[in-house]
Amino acid sequence: MRREDAKRLTIDASVARAAGRSEEPGPSRDCRLFLDAVLTVCHHASFTPDMWDEWKSHAGGMAKEWLRRMHARKKVDAVRAEPDEALRRAIADLAAELRDPDQRHAAREQMGKDVFLLEAAQAADGMVVSLDEEVHRWFARLATCHAPVQRIAWVNPCDDPTGNGAWLEAGASPLPRHRLGTK
């Protein structure tokens, strides 16, 4: 892959927390293999200050070592993501439309705590890498009523652990199943 085709990936702390040295099939291995592929291919990891804070408190030893190696290769990009007020209003509107008070609370809570991932992705190359399927479902639902979210890709390292390396090597172009709002 050509260096100029490299993507800036917004990698959630859920991936850093799960990545480990296990060789058994599962999130530990899948996240480690994904991070290792990002390291060896030309892609970069993009971080906002909010993401740094989450990574510092959640990353395990393997992810911290990966991050040191990414820094050494100058593959870590600081991105400045301003709060997207239209996005935040759309989240509040979606939550307010829900009839069930528990769902209203869950929507506000889940999307509110991870809205910075979408904002960071918008400031980078529009791709979030995360294990959090609960917030993924909420953001996919949000994409049906807030069109800008449809441009964001959501990649779970566990969805295709054997194909992720080849996908990253091929340029990490979002597949239709990655796009929010297409599930």
N, C-alpha and C. Protein backbone atom coordinates (compact mmCIF):
# COMPACT_ATOMS: atom_id res chain seq x y z
N MET A 1 0.84 -1.18 0.00
CA MET A 1 0.00 0.00 0.00
C MET A 1 0.88 1.24 0.00
N ARG A 2 0.46 2.25 -0.75
CA ARG A 2 1.24 3.49 -0.82
C ARG A 2 0.99 4.33 0.44
N ARG A 3 2.05 4.96 0.91
CA ARG A 3 1.98 5.79 2.12
C ARG A 3 0.92 6.87 2.00
N GLU A 4 0.78 7.46 0.82
CA GLU A 4 -0.20 8.54 0.65
C GLU A 4 -1.64 8.04 0.72
N ASP A 5 -1.84 6.74 0.65
CA ASP A 5 -3.19 6.17 0.77
C ASP A 5 -3.54 5.79 2.20
N ALA A 6 -2.63 6.04 3.13
CA ALA A 6 -2.85 5.66 4.53
C ALA A 6 -4.06 6.39 5.10
N LYS A 7 -4.81 5.68 5.94
CA LYS A 7 -5.97 6.25 6.62
C LYS A 7 -5.59 6.61 8.04
N ARG A 8 -6.27 7.64 8.58
CA ARG A 8 -6.14 7.99 9.99
C ARG A 8 -7.34 7.36 10.70
N LEU A 9 -7.08 6.33 11.48
CA LEU A 9 -8.12 5.56 12.16
C LEU A 9 -8.35 6.10 13.57
N THR A 10 -9.60 6.20 13.94
CA THR A 10 -9.99 6.61 15.29
C THR A 10 -10.23 5.32 16.07
N ILE A 11 -9.28 4.94 16.90
CA ILE A 11 -9.32 3.65 17.59
C ILE A 11 -9.77 3.85 19.03
N ASP A 12 -10.91 3.28 19.34
CA ASP A 12 -11.52 3.41 20.66
C ASP A 12 -10.70 2.67 21.72
N ALA A 13 -10.78 3.16 22.94
CA ALA A 13 -10.09 2.52 24.07
C ALA A 13 -10.60 1.11 24.33
N SER A 14 -11.80 0.78 23.85
CA SER A 14 -12.30 -0.60 24.03
C SER A 14 -11.37 -1.59 23.35
N VAL A 15 -10.78 -1.21 22.24
CA VAL A 15 -9.83 -2.06 21.53
C VAL A 15 -8.53 -2.16 22.32
N ALA A 16 -8.08 -1.04 22.86
CA ALA A 16 -6.86 -1.03 23.67
C ALA A 16 -7.02 -1.88 24.93
N ARG A 17 -8.21 -1.83 25.52
CA ARG A 17 -8.46 -2.60 26.74
C ARG A 17 -8.48 -4.09 26.43
N ALA A 18 -9.04 -4.48 25.30
CA ALA A 18 -9.21 -5.90 24.98
C ALA A 18 -7.94 -6.54 24.43
N ALA A 19 -7.11 -5.76 23.73
CA ALA A 19 -5.94 -6.33 23.06
C ALA A 19 -5.01 -6.99 24.07
N GLY A 20 -4.65 -8.22 23.78
CA GLY A 20 -3.77 -8.94 24.68
C GLY A 20 -2.91 -9.93 23.93
N ARG A 21 -2.21 -10.72 24.66
CA ARG A 21 -1.26 -11.65 24.06
C ARG A 21 -1.82 -13.04 23.83
N SER A 22 -3.09 -13.25 24.12
CA SER A 22 -3.70 -14.57 23.97
C SER A 22 -3.69 -15.00 22.51
N GLU A 23 -3.48 -16.28 22.29
CA GLU A 23 -3.56 -16.85 20.96
C GLU A 23 -4.91 -17.54 20.74
N GLU A 24 -5.73 -17.60 21.78
CA GLU A 24 -7.06 -18.19 21.67
C GLU A 24 -7.97 -17.26 20.87
N PRO A 25 -8.84 -17.82 20.02
CA PRO A 25 -9.78 -16.96 19.29
C PRO A 25 -10.62 -16.14 20.27
N GLY A 26 -10.81 -14.88 19.94
CA GLY A 26 -11.61 -14.00 20.78
C GLY A 26 -11.11 -12.57 20.71
N PRO A 27 -11.75 -11.67 21.44
CA PRO A 27 -11.41 -10.25 21.36
C PRO A 27 -9.94 -9.92 21.65
N SER A 28 -9.33 -10.60 22.61
CA SER A 28 -7.93 -10.31 22.96
C SER A 28 -7.03 -10.50 21.74
N ARG A 29 -7.15 -11.64 21.11
CA ARG A 29 -6.33 -11.94 19.93
C ARG A 29 -6.74 -11.06 18.75
N ASP A 30 -8.05 -10.93 18.51
CA ASP A 30 -8.53 -10.18 17.35
C ASP A 30 -8.09 -8.72 17.40
N CYS A 31 -8.17 -8.10 18.58
CA CYS A 31 -7.75 -6.70 18.72
C CYS A 31 -6.24 -6.56 18.58
N ARG A 32 -5.49 -7.50 19.14
CA ARG A 32 -4.03 -7.46 18.99
C ARG A 32 -3.64 -7.59 17.53
N LEU A 33 -4.26 -8.54 16.82
CA LEU A 33 -3.93 -8.71 15.40
C LEU A 33 -4.29 -7.47 14.59
N PHE A 34 -5.41 -6.85 14.92
CA PHE A 34 -5.80 -5.63 14.22
C PHE A 34 -4.78 -4.53 14.47
N LEU A 35 -4.43 -4.31 15.73
CA LEU A 35 -3.45 -3.28 16.05
C LEU A 35 -2.10 -3.57 15.40
N ASP A 36 -1.69 -4.83 15.42
CA ASP A 36 -0.42 -5.20 14.78
C ASP A 36 -0.46 -4.90 13.28
N ALA A 37 -1.60 -5.16 12.65
CA ALA A 37 -1.72 -4.87 11.21
C ALA A 37 -1.66 -3.36 10.95
N VAL A 38 -2.28 -2.57 11.81
CA VAL A 38 -2.20 -1.11 11.66
C VAL A 38 -0.74 -0.67 11.78
N LEU A 39 -0.02 -1.26 12.70
CA LEU A 39 1.39 -0.92 12.90
C LEU A 39 2.22 -1.23 11.66
N THR A 40 2.00 -2.38 11.05
CA THR A 40 2.85 -2.80 9.93
C THR A 40 2.42 -2.21 8.60
N VAL A 41 1.16 -1.84 8.47
CA VAL A 41 0.68 -1.19 7.25
C VAL A 41 0.84 0.32 7.47
N CYS A 42 0.64 1.11 6.49
CA CYS A 42 0.92 2.55 6.57
C CYS A 42 -0.10 3.38 7.34
N HIS A 43 -1.15 2.79 7.85
CA HIS A 43 -2.20 3.58 8.50
C HIS A 43 -1.71 4.22 9.80
N HIS A 44 -2.42 5.27 10.20
CA HIS A 44 -2.10 6.01 11.42
C HIS A 44 -3.25 5.88 12.41
N ALA A 45 -2.96 6.15 13.65
CA ALA A 45 -3.99 6.24 14.69
C ALA A 45 -4.16 7.71 15.01
N SER A 46 -5.40 8.17 15.04
CA SER A 46 -5.67 9.57 15.36
C SER A 46 -6.28 9.66 16.75
N PHE A 47 -5.84 10.67 17.51
CA PHE A 47 -6.29 10.83 18.88
C PHE A 47 -6.66 12.28 19.16
N THR A 48 -7.75 12.44 19.88
CA THR A 48 -8.11 13.74 20.45
C THR A 48 -7.70 13.69 21.92
N PRO A 49 -7.69 14.83 22.61
CA PRO A 49 -7.37 14.79 24.05
C PRO A 49 -8.32 13.87 24.84
N ASP A 50 -9.61 13.84 24.48
CA ASP A 50 -10.54 12.94 25.18
C ASP A 50 -10.16 11.48 24.97
N MET A 51 -9.72 11.16 23.76
CA MET A 51 -9.31 9.78 23.48
C MET A 51 -8.05 9.42 24.25
N TRP A 52 -7.10 10.35 24.34
CA TRP A 52 -5.88 10.09 25.13
C TRP A 52 -6.25 9.73 26.55
N ASP A 53 -7.18 10.51 27.12
CA ASP A 53 -7.58 10.26 28.50
C ASP A 53 -8.15 8.85 28.66
N GLU A 54 -9.00 8.43 27.74
CA GLU A 54 -9.57 7.08 27.80
C GLU A 54 -8.50 6.02 27.63
N TRP A 55 -7.61 6.22 26.67
CA TRP A 55 -6.55 5.24 26.45
C TRP A 55 -5.66 5.12 27.68
N LYS A 56 -5.31 6.23 28.29
CA LYS A 56 -4.44 6.19 29.47
C LYS A 56 -5.05 5.35 30.58
N SER A 57 -6.36 5.45 30.75
CA SER A 57 -6.98 4.73 31.86
C SER A 57 -7.40 3.30 31.51
N HIS A 58 -7.48 2.96 30.21
CA HIS A 58 -8.01 1.64 29.84
C HIS A 58 -7.02 0.73 29.11
N ALA A 59 -5.97 1.28 28.52
CA ALA A 59 -5.08 0.45 27.70
C ALA A 59 -4.29 -0.53 28.57
N GLY A 60 -4.22 -1.76 28.09
CA GLY A 60 -3.41 -2.77 28.74
C GLY A 60 -1.97 -2.67 28.26
N GLY A 61 -1.12 -3.55 28.78
CA GLY A 61 0.29 -3.52 28.45
C GLY A 61 0.59 -3.69 26.98
N MET A 62 -0.14 -4.60 26.31
CA MET A 62 0.10 -4.82 24.90
C MET A 62 -0.24 -3.57 24.10
N ALA A 63 -1.35 -2.92 24.41
CA ALA A 63 -1.77 -1.71 23.69
C ALA A 63 -0.81 -0.55 23.97
N LYS A 64 -0.31 -0.46 25.19
CA LYS A 64 0.65 0.60 25.50
C LYS A 64 1.95 0.40 24.72
N GLU A 65 2.40 -0.84 24.61
CA GLU A 65 3.60 -1.14 23.82
C GLU A 65 3.33 -0.82 22.34
N TRP A 66 2.17 -1.19 21.84
CA TRP A 66 1.79 -0.88 20.46
C TRP A 66 1.83 0.63 20.23
N LEU A 67 1.30 1.39 21.16
CA LEU A 67 1.27 2.84 21.03
C LEU A 67 2.69 3.42 21.03
N ARG A 68 3.58 2.89 21.86
CA ARG A 68 4.98 3.33 21.86
C ARG A 68 5.61 3.08 20.48
N ARG A 69 5.33 1.91 19.92
CA ARG A 69 5.88 1.57 18.61
C ARG A 69 5.27 2.46 17.52
N MET A 70 3.99 2.77 17.64
CA MET A 70 3.35 3.68 16.68
C MET A 70 3.99 5.06 16.76
N HIS A 71 4.22 5.56 17.98
CA HIS A 71 4.90 6.86 18.15
C HIS A 71 6.29 6.83 17.51
N ALA A 72 7.02 5.76 17.73
CA ALA A 72 8.37 5.66 17.18
C ALA A 72 8.36 5.73 15.65
N ARG A 73 7.29 5.24 15.06
CA ARG A 73 7.17 5.26 13.59
C ARG A 73 6.45 6.52 13.09
N LYS A 74 6.16 7.41 14.01
CA LYS A 74 5.46 8.66 13.67
C LYS A 74 4.11 8.39 12.99
N LYS A 75 3.39 7.44 13.57
CA LYS A 75 2.09 7.04 13.03
C LYS A 75 0.95 7.37 13.98
N VAL A 76 1.18 8.32 14.88
CA VAL A 76 0.14 8.77 15.80
C VAL A 76 -0.12 10.24 15.49
N ASP A 77 -1.36 10.55 15.19
CA ASP A 77 -1.73 11.92 14.81
C ASP A 77 -2.66 12.52 15.85
N ALA A 78 -2.31 13.69 16.32
CA ALA A 78 -3.21 14.45 17.19
C ALA A 78 -4.21 15.16 16.29
N VAL A 79 -5.48 14.98 16.56
CA VAL A 79 -6.51 15.68 15.79
C VAL A 79 -7.27 16.61 16.70
N ARG A 80 -7.66 17.70 16.14
CA ARG A 80 -8.46 18.67 16.88
C ARG A 80 -9.89 18.52 16.40
N ALA A 81 -10.72 18.01 17.26
CA ALA A 81 -12.13 17.80 16.92
C ALA A 81 -12.98 18.72 17.78
N GLU A 82 -13.57 19.67 17.13
CA GLU A 82 -14.46 20.59 17.83
C GLU A 82 -15.78 19.89 18.11
N PRO A 83 -16.44 20.24 19.21
CA PRO A 83 -17.77 19.68 19.46
C PRO A 83 -18.70 20.02 18.29
N ASP A 84 -19.37 19.01 17.80
CA ASP A 84 -20.30 19.16 16.69
C ASP A 84 -21.70 19.36 17.28
N GLU A 85 -22.11 20.61 17.35
CA GLU A 85 -23.38 20.94 18.01
C GLU A 85 -24.58 20.33 17.29
N ALA A 86 -24.54 20.27 15.97
CA ALA A 86 -25.64 19.65 15.22
C ALA A 86 -25.73 18.17 15.56
N LEU A 87 -24.60 17.51 15.65
CA LEU A 87 -24.57 16.09 16.02
C LEU A 87 -25.12 15.90 17.43
N ARG A 88 -24.69 16.73 18.34
CA ARG A 88 -25.14 16.62 19.73
C ARG A 88 -26.64 16.91 19.86
N ARG A 89 -27.14 17.84 19.07
CA ARG A 89 -28.60 18.10 19.05
C ARG A 89 -29.35 16.90 18.49
N ALA A 90 -28.80 16.30 17.44
CA ALA A 90 -29.45 15.12 16.85
C ALA A 90 -29.51 13.97 17.85
N ILE A 91 -28.48 13.81 18.65
CA ILE A 91 -28.47 12.77 19.69
C ILE A 91 -29.57 13.08 20.71
N ALA A 92 -29.63 14.32 21.15
CA ALA A 92 -30.66 14.71 22.13
C ALA A 92 -32.06 14.53 21.54
N ASP A 93 -32.24 14.90 20.28
CA ASP A 93 -33.55 14.74 19.63
C ASP A 93 -33.95 13.28 19.51
N LEU A 94 -33.00 12.43 19.10
CA LEU A 94 -33.30 11.00 18.98
C LEU A 94 -33.70 10.43 20.34
N ALA A 95 -32.94 10.77 21.37
CA ALA A 95 -33.26 10.27 22.70
C ALA A 95 -34.63 10.76 23.17
N ALA A 96 -34.93 12.02 22.89
CA ALA A 96 -36.21 12.60 23.33
C ALA A 96 -37.39 11.94 22.63
N GLU A 97 -37.20 11.43 21.43
CA GLU A 97 -38.28 10.79 20.68
C GLU A 97 -38.62 9.39 21.19
N LEU A 98 -37.74 8.80 21.97
CA LEU A 98 -37.98 7.44 22.46
C LEU A 98 -39.03 7.46 23.56
N ARG A 99 -39.98 6.56 23.46
CA ARG A 99 -41.08 6.53 24.42
C ARG A 99 -40.68 5.90 25.75
N ASP A 100 -39.88 4.87 25.67
CA ASP A 100 -39.47 4.15 26.88
C ASP A 100 -38.42 4.96 27.63
N PRO A 101 -38.68 5.31 28.91
CA PRO A 101 -37.72 6.13 29.66
C PRO A 101 -36.35 5.45 29.83
N ASP A 102 -36.35 4.12 29.93
CA ASP A 102 -35.07 3.41 30.05
C ASP A 102 -34.26 3.53 28.77
N GLN A 103 -34.95 3.42 27.62
CA GLN A 103 -34.26 3.57 26.33
C GLN A 103 -33.78 5.01 26.15
N ARG A 104 -34.62 5.97 26.56
CA ARG A 104 -34.22 7.38 26.47
C ARG A 104 -32.92 7.60 27.24
N HIS A 105 -32.90 7.09 28.46
CA HIS A 105 -31.71 7.24 29.30
C HIS A 105 -30.51 6.53 28.67
N ALA A 106 -30.71 5.30 28.20
CA ALA A 106 -29.61 4.53 27.60
C ALA A 106 -29.06 5.24 26.36
N ALA A 107 -29.94 5.76 25.53
CA ALA A 107 -29.50 6.46 24.32
C ALA A 107 -28.66 7.68 24.67
N ARG A 108 -29.18 8.49 25.60
CA ARG A 108 -28.43 9.69 26.01
C ARG A 108 -27.08 9.31 26.62
N GLU A 109 -27.10 8.32 27.48
CA GLU A 109 -25.89 7.90 28.20
C GLU A 109 -24.85 7.33 27.23
N GLN A 110 -25.25 6.35 26.43
CA GLN A 110 -24.30 5.68 25.53
C GLN A 110 -23.75 6.62 24.47
N MET A 111 -24.63 7.31 23.77
CA MET A 111 -24.15 8.19 22.69
C MET A 111 -23.43 9.41 23.27
N GLY A 112 -23.91 9.91 24.40
CA GLY A 112 -23.26 11.07 25.02
C GLY A 112 -21.84 10.80 25.44
N LYS A 113 -21.58 9.59 25.98
CA LYS A 113 -20.22 9.31 26.45
C LYS A 113 -19.25 9.02 25.30
N ASP A 114 -19.76 8.65 24.12
CA ASP A 114 -18.88 8.31 23.01
C ASP A 114 -19.02 9.22 21.79
N VAL A 115 -19.74 10.32 21.93
CA VAL A 115 -19.90 11.24 20.81
C VAL A 115 -18.54 11.75 20.31
N PHE A 116 -17.56 11.82 21.20
CA PHE A 116 -16.24 12.30 20.81
C PHE A 116 -15.59 11.37 19.78
N LEU A 117 -15.99 10.09 19.74
CA LEU A 117 -15.45 9.18 18.71
C LEU A 117 -15.90 9.63 17.32
N LEU A 118 -17.18 9.97 17.19
CA LEU A 118 -17.68 10.44 15.90
C LEU A 118 -17.04 11.77 15.53
N GLU A 119 -16.91 12.66 16.50
CA GLU A 119 -16.28 13.96 16.24
C GLU A 119 -14.83 13.78 15.81
N ALA A 120 -14.12 12.86 16.46
CA ALA A 120 -12.73 12.59 16.10
C ALA A 120 -12.65 11.97 14.70
N ALA A 121 -13.56 11.05 14.41
CA ALA A 121 -13.57 10.42 13.08
C ALA A 121 -13.84 11.46 12.00
N GLN A 122 -14.75 12.39 12.28
CA GLN A 122 -15.04 13.44 11.30
C GLN A 122 -13.81 14.30 11.06
N ALA A 123 -12.99 14.51 12.08
CA ALA A 123 -11.78 15.32 11.95
C ALA A 123 -10.64 14.54 11.30
N ALA A 124 -10.75 13.21 11.28
CA ALA A 124 -9.72 12.36 10.67
C ALA A 124 -10.26 11.85 9.33
N ASP A 125 -10.26 10.56 9.13
CA ASP A 125 -10.70 10.00 7.85
C ASP A 125 -12.03 9.25 7.93
N GLY A 126 -12.82 9.56 8.96
CA GLY A 126 -14.19 9.04 9.01
C GLY A 126 -14.33 7.58 9.38
N MET A 127 -13.37 7.05 10.16
CA MET A 127 -13.43 5.64 10.51
C MET A 127 -13.17 5.42 11.99
N VAL A 128 -14.13 4.78 12.66
CA VAL A 128 -14.01 4.42 14.07
C VAL A 128 -13.75 2.92 14.15
N VAL A 129 -12.79 2.53 14.98
CA VAL A 129 -12.51 1.13 15.27
C VAL A 129 -12.89 0.91 16.73
N SER A 130 -13.89 0.05 16.97
CA SER A 130 -14.40 -0.12 18.33
C SER A 130 -15.05 -1.49 18.50
N LEU A 131 -15.02 -1.96 19.73
CA LEU A 131 -15.73 -3.20 20.09
C LEU A 131 -17.14 -2.92 20.60
N ASP A 132 -17.46 -1.69 20.89
CA ASP A 132 -18.70 -1.33 21.57
C ASP A 132 -19.89 -1.43 20.61
N GLU A 133 -20.53 -2.57 20.61
CA GLU A 133 -21.67 -2.79 19.71
C GLU A 133 -22.95 -2.11 20.20
N GLU A 134 -23.04 -1.86 21.49
CA GLU A 134 -24.23 -1.18 22.00
C GLU A 134 -24.30 0.25 21.47
N VAL A 135 -23.20 0.99 21.60
CA VAL A 135 -23.21 2.37 21.09
C VAL A 135 -23.21 2.35 19.57
N HIS A 136 -22.63 1.33 18.96
CA HIS A 136 -22.69 1.19 17.50
C HIS A 136 -24.15 1.15 17.03
N ARG A 137 -24.95 0.36 17.70
CA ARG A 137 -26.38 0.28 17.33
C ARG A 137 -27.07 1.63 17.48
N TRP A 138 -26.76 2.37 18.55
CA TRP A 138 -27.36 3.69 18.73
C TRP A 138 -26.93 4.64 17.63
N PHE A 139 -25.63 4.65 17.31
CA PHE A 139 -25.15 5.55 16.26
C PHE A 139 -25.70 5.15 14.89
N ALA A 140 -25.87 3.86 14.66
CA ALA A 140 -26.48 3.42 13.40
C ALA A 140 -27.93 3.93 13.31
N ARG A 141 -28.61 3.89 14.42
CA ARG A 141 -29.99 4.42 14.46
C ARG A 141 -29.97 5.93 14.23
N LEU A 142 -29.01 6.62 14.83
CA LEU A 142 -28.87 8.06 14.65
C LEU A 142 -28.63 8.40 13.18
N ALA A 143 -27.90 7.55 12.47
CA ALA A 143 -27.58 7.80 11.06
C ALA A 143 -28.84 7.86 10.19
N THR A 144 -29.91 7.24 10.63
CA THR A 144 -31.15 7.27 9.84
C THR A 144 -31.83 8.63 9.89
N CYS A 145 -31.47 9.46 10.89
CA CYS A 145 -32.10 10.78 10.99
C CYS A 145 -31.09 11.93 10.99
N HIS A 146 -29.81 11.62 10.91
CA HIS A 146 -28.77 12.66 10.85
C HIS A 146 -27.75 12.21 9.80
N ALA A 147 -27.97 12.66 8.57
CA ALA A 147 -27.21 12.19 7.41
C ALA A 147 -25.69 12.25 7.55
N PRO A 148 -25.10 13.27 8.17
CA PRO A 148 -23.62 13.30 8.24
C PRO A 148 -23.03 12.05 8.92
N VAL A 149 -23.76 11.43 9.80
CA VAL A 149 -23.26 10.24 10.49
C VAL A 149 -23.13 9.06 9.52
N GLN A 150 -23.90 9.07 8.45
CA GLN A 150 -23.84 7.97 7.47
C GLN A 150 -22.49 7.87 6.78
N ARG A 151 -21.72 8.96 6.79
CA ARG A 151 -20.39 8.94 6.15
C ARG A 151 -19.33 8.26 7.03
N ILE A 152 -19.68 7.99 8.28
CA ILE A 152 -18.71 7.40 9.20
C ILE A 152 -18.78 5.88 9.12
N ALA A 153 -17.61 5.28 9.09
CA ALA A 153 -17.50 3.82 9.09
C ALA A 153 -17.20 3.36 10.51
N TRP A 154 -17.79 2.23 10.90
CA TRP A 154 -17.58 1.66 12.23
C TRP A 154 -17.07 0.25 12.03
N VAL A 155 -15.84 0.00 12.44
CA VAL A 155 -15.20 -1.29 12.22
C VAL A 155 -14.96 -1.96 13.56
N ASN A 156 -15.46 -3.18 13.69
CA ASN A 156 -15.23 -3.99 14.89
C ASN A 156 -14.16 -5.02 14.53
N PRO A 157 -13.00 -5.00 15.22
CA PRO A 157 -11.92 -5.94 14.89
C PRO A 157 -12.33 -7.41 15.00
N CYS A 158 -13.40 -7.69 15.72
CA CYS A 158 -13.84 -9.08 15.89
C CYS A 158 -14.78 -9.54 14.78
N ASP A 159 -15.26 -8.61 13.94
CA ASP A 159 -16.21 -9.00 12.89
C ASP A 159 -15.58 -9.85 11.80
N ASP A 160 -14.34 -9.59 11.46
CA ASP A 160 -13.66 -10.36 10.42
C ASP A 160 -12.17 -10.47 10.77
N PRO A 161 -11.87 -11.16 11.86
CA PRO A 161 -10.48 -11.16 12.33
C PRO A 161 -9.48 -11.72 11.33
N THR A 162 -9.90 -12.68 10.51
CA THR A 162 -8.95 -13.24 9.54
C THR A 162 -8.80 -12.37 8.30
N GLY A 163 -9.76 -11.50 8.04
CA GLY A 163 -9.69 -10.65 6.85
C GLY A 163 -9.21 -9.24 7.11
N ASN A 164 -9.08 -8.85 8.38
CA ASN A 164 -8.72 -7.47 8.69
C ASN A 164 -7.35 -7.06 8.15
N GLY A 165 -6.37 -7.93 8.25
CA GLY A 165 -5.04 -7.60 7.77
C GLY A 165 -5.04 -7.30 6.28
N ALA A 166 -5.70 -8.14 5.51
CA ALA A 166 -5.78 -7.93 4.06
C ALA A 166 -6.57 -6.66 3.74
N TRP A 167 -7.63 -6.42 4.49
CA TRP A 167 -8.44 -5.22 4.28
C TRP A 167 -7.61 -3.96 4.57
N LEU A 168 -6.85 -3.97 5.66
CA LEU A 168 -5.99 -2.83 5.98
C LEU A 168 -4.90 -2.67 4.91
N GLU A 169 -4.31 -3.77 4.48
CA GLU A 169 -3.27 -3.74 3.45
C GLU A 169 -3.81 -3.21 2.13
N ALA A 170 -5.07 -3.48 1.84
CA ALA A 170 -5.69 -3.03 0.58
C ALA A 170 -6.12 -1.56 0.64
N GLY A 171 -5.89 -0.89 1.75
CA GLY A 171 -6.20 0.53 1.83
C GLY A 171 -7.29 0.90 2.81
N ALA A 172 -7.92 -0.08 3.43
CA ALA A 172 -8.95 0.16 4.45
C ALA A 172 -10.10 1.03 3.95
N SER A 173 -10.49 0.83 2.71
CA SER A 173 -11.67 1.54 2.22
C SER A 173 -12.89 0.94 2.90
N PRO A 174 -13.76 1.79 3.44
CA PRO A 174 -14.92 1.26 4.16
C PRO A 174 -15.80 0.38 3.26
N LEU A 175 -16.16 -0.75 3.79
CA LEU A 175 -17.09 -1.64 3.10
C LEU A 175 -18.51 -1.19 3.43
N PRO A 176 -19.48 -1.54 2.60
CA PRO A 176 -20.86 -1.12 2.91
C PRO A 176 -21.31 -1.50 4.32
N ARG A 177 -20.90 -2.67 4.81
CA ARG A 177 -21.32 -3.10 6.16
C ARG A 177 -20.69 -2.25 7.26
N HIS A 178 -19.64 -1.52 6.94
CA HIS A 178 -19.00 -0.65 7.93
C HIS A 178 -19.76 0.66 8.13
N ARG A 179 -20.47 1.12 7.13
CA ARG A 179 -21.12 2.42 7.19
C ARG A 179 -22.24 2.42 8.23
N LEU A 180 -22.25 3.45 9.07
CA LEU A 180 -23.32 3.59 10.05
C LEU A 180 -24.64 3.78 9.30
N GLY A 181 -25.65 3.12 9.77
CA GLY A 181 -26.97 3.24 9.14
C GLY A 181 -27.25 2.18 8.11
N THR A 182 -26.28 1.29 7.84
CA THR A 182 -26.51 0.25 6.82
C THR A 182 -26.82 -1.10 7.41
N LYS A 183 -26.79 -1.24 8.73
CA LYS A 183 -27.08 -2.55 9.35
C LYS A 183 -28.54 -2.67 9.64
